[in-house]
C-alpha atoms as a PDB file:
ATOM      1  CA  UNK A   1       4.452 -28.210   2.246  1.00  0.00           C
ATOM      2  CA  UNK A   2       7.674 -26.369   1.605  1.00  0.00           C
ATOM      3  CA  UNK A   3      10.358 -27.649   3.867  1.00  0.00           C
ATOM      4  CA  UNK A   4      12.686 -25.092   5.670  1.00  0.00           C
ATOM      5  CA  UNK A   5      16.433 -25.501   6.606  1.00  0.00           C
ATOM      6  CA  UNK A   6      18.019 -23.043   9.086  1.00  0.00           C
ATOM      7  CA  UNK A   7      21.739 -22.907   8.215  1.00  0.00           C
ATOM      8  CA  UNK A   8      24.150 -20.798  10.152  1.00  0.00           C
ATOM      9  CA  UNK A   9      27.627 -20.706  11.644  1.00  0.00           C
ATOM     10  CA  UNK A  10      28.287 -22.332  15.026  1.00  0.00           C
ATOM     11  CA  UNK A  11      25.207 -23.371  17.074  1.00  0.00           C
ATOM     12  CA  UNK A  12      22.888 -20.713  15.835  1.00  0.00           C
ATOM     13  CA  UNK A  13      20.724 -22.740  13.668  1.00  0.00           C
ATOM     14  CA  UNK A  14      19.951 -25.460  16.195  1.00  0.00           C
ATOM     15  CA  UNK A  15      19.278 -22.791  18.822  1.00  0.00           C
ATOM     16  CA  UNK A  16      16.876 -20.737  16.698  1.00  0.00           C
ATOM     17  CA  UNK A  17      14.984 -23.906  15.867  1.00  0.00           C
ATOM     18  CA  UNK A  18      14.763 -25.028  19.553  1.00  0.00           C
ATOM     19  CA  UNK A  19      13.734 -21.426  20.717  1.00  0.00           C
ATOM     20  CA  UNK A  20      10.915 -21.387  17.964  1.00  0.00           C
ATOM     21  CA  UNK A  21       9.732 -24.732  19.074  1.00  0.00           C
ATOM     22  CA  UNK A  22       9.630 -23.493  22.630  1.00  0.00           C
ATOM     23  CA  UNK A  23       7.223 -20.754  21.454  1.00  0.00           C
ATOM     24  CA  UNK A  24       4.933 -22.725  19.012  1.00  0.00           C
ATOM     25  CA  UNK A  25       5.826 -26.337  19.621  1.00  0.00           C
ATOM     26  CA  UNK A  26       7.076 -28.956  17.287  1.00  0.00           C
ATOM     27  CA  UNK A  27       6.594 -28.515  13.536  1.00  0.00           C
ATOM     28  CA  UNK A  28       7.187 -30.726  10.641  1.00  0.00           C
ATOM     29  CA  UNK A  29       9.719 -30.513   7.701  1.00  0.00           C
ATOM     30  CA  UNK A  30      11.940 -28.107   9.452  1.00  0.00           C
ATOM     31  CA  UNK A  31      15.727 -28.804  10.368  1.00  0.00           C
ATOM     32  CA  UNK A  32      18.790 -27.033  11.386  1.00  0.00           C
ATOM     33  CA  UNK A  33      22.208 -27.188   9.897  1.00  0.00           C
ATOM     34  CA  UNK A  34      25.015 -26.004  12.071  1.00  0.00           C
ATOM     35  CA  UNK A  35      28.113 -25.264  10.142  1.00  0.00           C
ATOM     36  CA  UNK A  36      31.650 -25.296  11.426  1.00  0.00           C
ATOM     37  CA  UNK A  37      34.587 -23.335  10.056  1.00  0.00           C
ATOM     38  CA  UNK A  38      36.681 -26.439  10.365  1.00  0.00           C
ATOM     39  CA  UNK A  39      34.724 -28.246   7.634  1.00  0.00           C
ATOM     40  CA  UNK A  40      35.651 -27.989   4.008  1.00  0.00           C
ATOM     41  CA  UNK A  41      33.244 -26.283   1.556  1.00  0.00           C
ATOM     42  CA  UNK A  42      32.624 -29.760   0.089  1.00  0.00           C
ATOM     43  CA  UNK A  43      31.733 -31.170   3.566  1.00  0.00           C
ATOM     44  CA  UNK A  44      29.377 -28.202   4.329  1.00  0.00           C
ATOM     45  CA  UNK A  45      27.656 -28.687   0.970  1.00  0.00           C
ATOM     46  CA  UNK A  46      27.179 -32.396   1.852  1.00  0.00           C
ATOM     47  CA  UNK A  47      25.716 -31.439   5.219  1.00  0.00           C
ATOM     48  CA  UNK A  48      23.248 -28.992   3.506  1.00  0.00           C
ATOM     49  CA  UNK A  49      22.380 -31.609   1.033  1.00  0.00           C
ATOM     50  CA  UNK A  50      21.378 -34.093   3.788  1.00  0.00           C
ATOM     51  CA  UNK A  51      19.452 -31.366   5.636  1.00  0.00           C
ATOM     52  CA  UNK A  52      17.581 -30.414   2.452  1.00  0.00           C
ATOM     53  CA  UNK A  53      16.842 -34.034   1.605  1.00  0.00           C
ATOM     54  CA  UNK A  54      15.345 -34.613   5.084  1.00  0.00           C
ATOM     55  CA  UNK A  55      12.774 -31.781   4.741  1.00  0.00           C
ATOM     56  CA  UNK A  56      11.891 -31.847   0.981  1.00  0.00           C
ATOM     57  CA  UNK A  57       8.589 -33.156   0.438  1.00  0.00           C
ATOM     58  CA  UNK A  58       8.523 -32.252  -3.274  1.00  0.00           C
ATOM     59  CA  UNK A  59       7.486 -28.668  -3.109  1.00  0.00           C
ATOM     60  CA  UNK A  60      11.000 -27.259  -2.434  1.00  0.00           C
ATOM     61  CA  UNK A  61      12.918 -26.195   0.534  1.00  0.00           C
ATOM     62  CA  UNK A  62      13.485 -22.588   1.944  1.00  0.00           C
ATOM     63  CA  UNK A  63      16.972 -22.149   3.354  1.00  0.00           C
ATOM     64  CA  UNK A  64      17.195 -19.382   6.001  1.00  0.00           C
ATOM     65  CA  UNK A  65      20.825 -18.477   6.173  1.00  0.00           C
ATOM     66  CA  UNK A  66      22.584 -16.226   8.632  1.00  0.00           C
ATOM     67  CA  UNK A  67      24.841 -13.869   6.561  1.00  0.00           C
ATOM     68  CA  UNK A  68      24.773 -12.822   3.021  1.00  0.00           C
ATOM     69  CA  UNK A  69      28.048 -14.038   1.474  1.00  0.00           C
ATOM     70  CA  UNK A  70      28.766 -16.308   4.337  1.00  0.00           C
ATOM     71  CA  UNK A  71      29.500 -20.083   3.810  1.00  0.00           C
ATOM     72  CA  UNK A  72      26.025 -21.185   4.659  1.00  0.00           C
ATOM     73  CA  UNK A  73      24.422 -18.721   2.318  1.00  0.00           C
ATOM     74  CA  UNK A  74      27.104 -19.508  -0.628  1.00  0.00           C
ATOM     75  CA  UNK A  75      27.021 -23.192  -0.208  1.00  0.00           C
ATOM     76  CA  UNK A  76      23.058 -23.106  -0.170  1.00  0.00           C
ATOM     77  CA  UNK A  77      23.202 -20.882  -3.357  1.00  0.00           C
ATOM     78  CA  UNK A  78      25.476 -23.546  -5.048  1.00  0.00           C
ATOM     79  CA  UNK A  79      22.913 -26.260  -4.399  1.00  0.00           C
ATOM     80  CA  UNK A  80      20.130 -24.184  -6.125  1.00  0.00           C
ATOM     81  CA  UNK A  81      21.413 -26.032  -9.408  1.00  0.00           C
ATOM     82  CA  UNK A  82      20.825 -29.399  -7.866  1.00  0.00           C
ATOM     83  CA  UNK A  83      17.463 -28.877  -5.877  1.00  0.00           C
ATOM     84  CA  UNK A  84      14.374 -26.653  -5.846  1.00  0.00           C
ATOM     85  CA  UNK A  85      15.647 -23.999  -3.282  1.00  0.00           C
ATOM     86  CA  UNK A  86      15.290 -20.362  -2.249  1.00  0.00           C
ATOM     87  CA  UNK A  87      17.690 -18.765   0.017  1.00  0.00           C
ATOM     88  CA  UNK A  88      16.875 -15.872   2.310  1.00  0.00           C
ATOM     89  CA  UNK A  89      19.594 -14.427   4.572  1.00  0.00           C
ATOM     90  CA  UNK A  90      19.389 -12.592   7.794  1.00  0.00           C
ATOM     91  CA  UNK A  91      17.797 -15.326   9.743  1.00  0.00           C
ATOM     92  CA  UNK A  92      16.484 -14.475  13.149  1.00  0.00           C
ATOM     93  CA  UNK A  93      13.637 -15.748  15.476  1.00  0.00           C
ATOM     94  CA  UNK A  94      10.792 -13.741  13.932  1.00  0.00           C
ATOM     95  CA  UNK A  95      11.888 -14.931  10.567  1.00  0.00           C
ATOM     96  CA  UNK A  96      11.797 -18.614  11.653  1.00  0.00           C
ATOM     97  CA  UNK A  97       8.386 -18.082  13.222  1.00  0.00           C
ATOM     98  CA  UNK A  98       6.931 -16.386  10.227  1.00  0.00           C
ATOM     99  CA  UNK A  99       8.313 -18.843   7.838  1.00  0.00           C
ATOM    100  CA  UNK A 100       6.524 -21.479   9.649  1.00  0.00           C
ATOM    101  CA  UNK A 101       3.227 -19.649   9.611  1.00  0.00           C
ATOM    102  CA  UNK A 102       3.307 -18.520   6.074  1.00  0.00           C
ATOM    103  CA  UNK A 103       4.228 -21.734   4.189  1.00  0.00           C
ATOM    104  CA  UNK A 104       0.821 -23.322   4.165  1.00  0.00           C
ATOM    105  CA  UNK A 105      -0.666 -23.335   0.700  1.00  0.00           C
ATOM    106  CA  UNK A 106       2.243 -21.141  -0.806  1.00  0.00           C
ATOM    107  CA  UNK A 107       4.797 -21.927  -3.391  1.00  0.00           C
ATOM    108  CA  UNK A 108       8.398 -21.894  -2.476  1.00  0.00           C
ATOM    109  CA  UNK A 109       8.915 -18.590  -4.340  1.00  0.00           C
ATOM    110  CA  UNK A 110       5.674 -17.121  -2.833  1.00  0.00           C
ATOM    111  CA  UNK A 111       6.840 -18.025   0.548  1.00  0.00           C
ATOM    112  CA  UNK A 112      10.382 -16.380   0.124  1.00  0.00           C
ATOM    113  CA  UNK A 113       8.921 -13.175  -1.239  1.00  0.00           C
ATOM    114  CA  UNK A 114       6.080 -13.019   1.473  1.00  0.00           C
ATOM    115  CA  UNK A 115       8.572 -13.896   4.189  1.00  0.00           C
ATOM    116  CA  UNK A 116      10.936 -11.036   3.378  1.00  0.00           C
ATOM    117  CA  UNK A 117       8.247  -8.543   3.072  1.00  0.00           C
ATOM    118  CA  UNK A 118       6.768  -9.700   6.524  1.00  0.00           C
ATOM    119  CA  UNK A 119       9.934  -9.630   8.615  1.00  0.00           C
ATOM    120  CA  UNK A 120      11.209  -6.368   7.542  1.00  0.00           C
ATOM    121  CA  UNK A 121       9.101  -4.659  10.182  1.00  0.00           C
ATOM    122  CA  UNK A 122      10.600  -6.987  12.820  1.00  0.00           C
ATOM    123  CA  UNK A 123      13.675  -4.936  13.272  1.00  0.00           C
ATOM    124  CA  UNK A 124      13.072  -1.705  15.074  1.00  0.00           C
ATOM    125  CA  UNK A 125      14.846   0.767  17.309  1.00  0.00           C
ATOM    126  CA  UNK A 126      12.263   0.611  20.033  1.00  0.00           C
ATOM    127  CA  UNK A 127      13.964   2.734  22.576  1.00  0.00           C
ATOM    128  CA  UNK A 128      14.160   5.572  19.975  1.00  0.00           C
ATOM    129  CA  UNK A 129      10.554   5.369  19.030  1.00  0.00           C
ATOM    130  CA  UNK A 130       8.926   4.146  22.154  1.00  0.00           C
ATOM    131  CA  UNK A 131      10.592   5.332  25.278  1.00  0.00           C
ATOM    132  CA  UNK A 132      10.433   8.713  26.899  1.00  0.00           C
ATOM    133  CA  UNK A 133      13.513  10.786  26.307  1.00  0.00           C
ATOM    134  CA  UNK A 134      15.705  11.964  28.988  1.00  0.00           C
ATOM    135  CA  UNK A 135      17.891  15.081  28.440  1.00  0.00           C
ATOM    136  CA  UNK A 136      20.249  16.698  30.670  1.00  0.00           C
ATOM    137  CA  UNK A 137      19.948  20.476  30.865  1.00  0.00           C
ATOM    138  CA  UNK A 138      22.038  22.624  33.340  1.00  0.00           C
ATOM    139  CA  UNK A 139      22.945  19.600  35.404  1.00  0.00           C
ATOM    140  CA  UNK A 140      19.481  18.393  35.930  1.00  0.00           C
ATOM    141  CA  UNK A 141      17.696  15.325  34.179  1.00  0.00           C
ATOM    142  CA  UNK A 142      14.439  16.144  32.597  1.00  0.00           C
ATOM    143  CA  UNK A 143      11.863  14.024  30.574  1.00  0.00           C
ATOM    144  CA  UNK A 144      10.707  15.205  27.291  1.00  0.00           C
END
């Protein structure tokens, strides 16, 4: 099974994992890596390496990072030369849940590709597309 590391600034990674586990229960080979701005790039890389080693079962590790170009992303990318990794950015709760459900019987690369395709639809402007519109005409509110 592909391992998963959630890597993000502050406490976001552990909070995403804890919330996902509230919804679906405990799951194996997933860990979080909270990264502080006070750590050196080398220390961050070492923390990421430890998290990767913890969940790697030989089929590779998917790193879900918060920001493209952010330290969790760039340090994970640097580790791609040392480990079998794929890095996907923009981590959110639907992504964590979907990654868990998709990882059975998929290669690391297939998981990354299918995850990105699957979670694109999780971001929607629901008030724009779902809610009735209220407009103000001549001092009176009307529904449209």
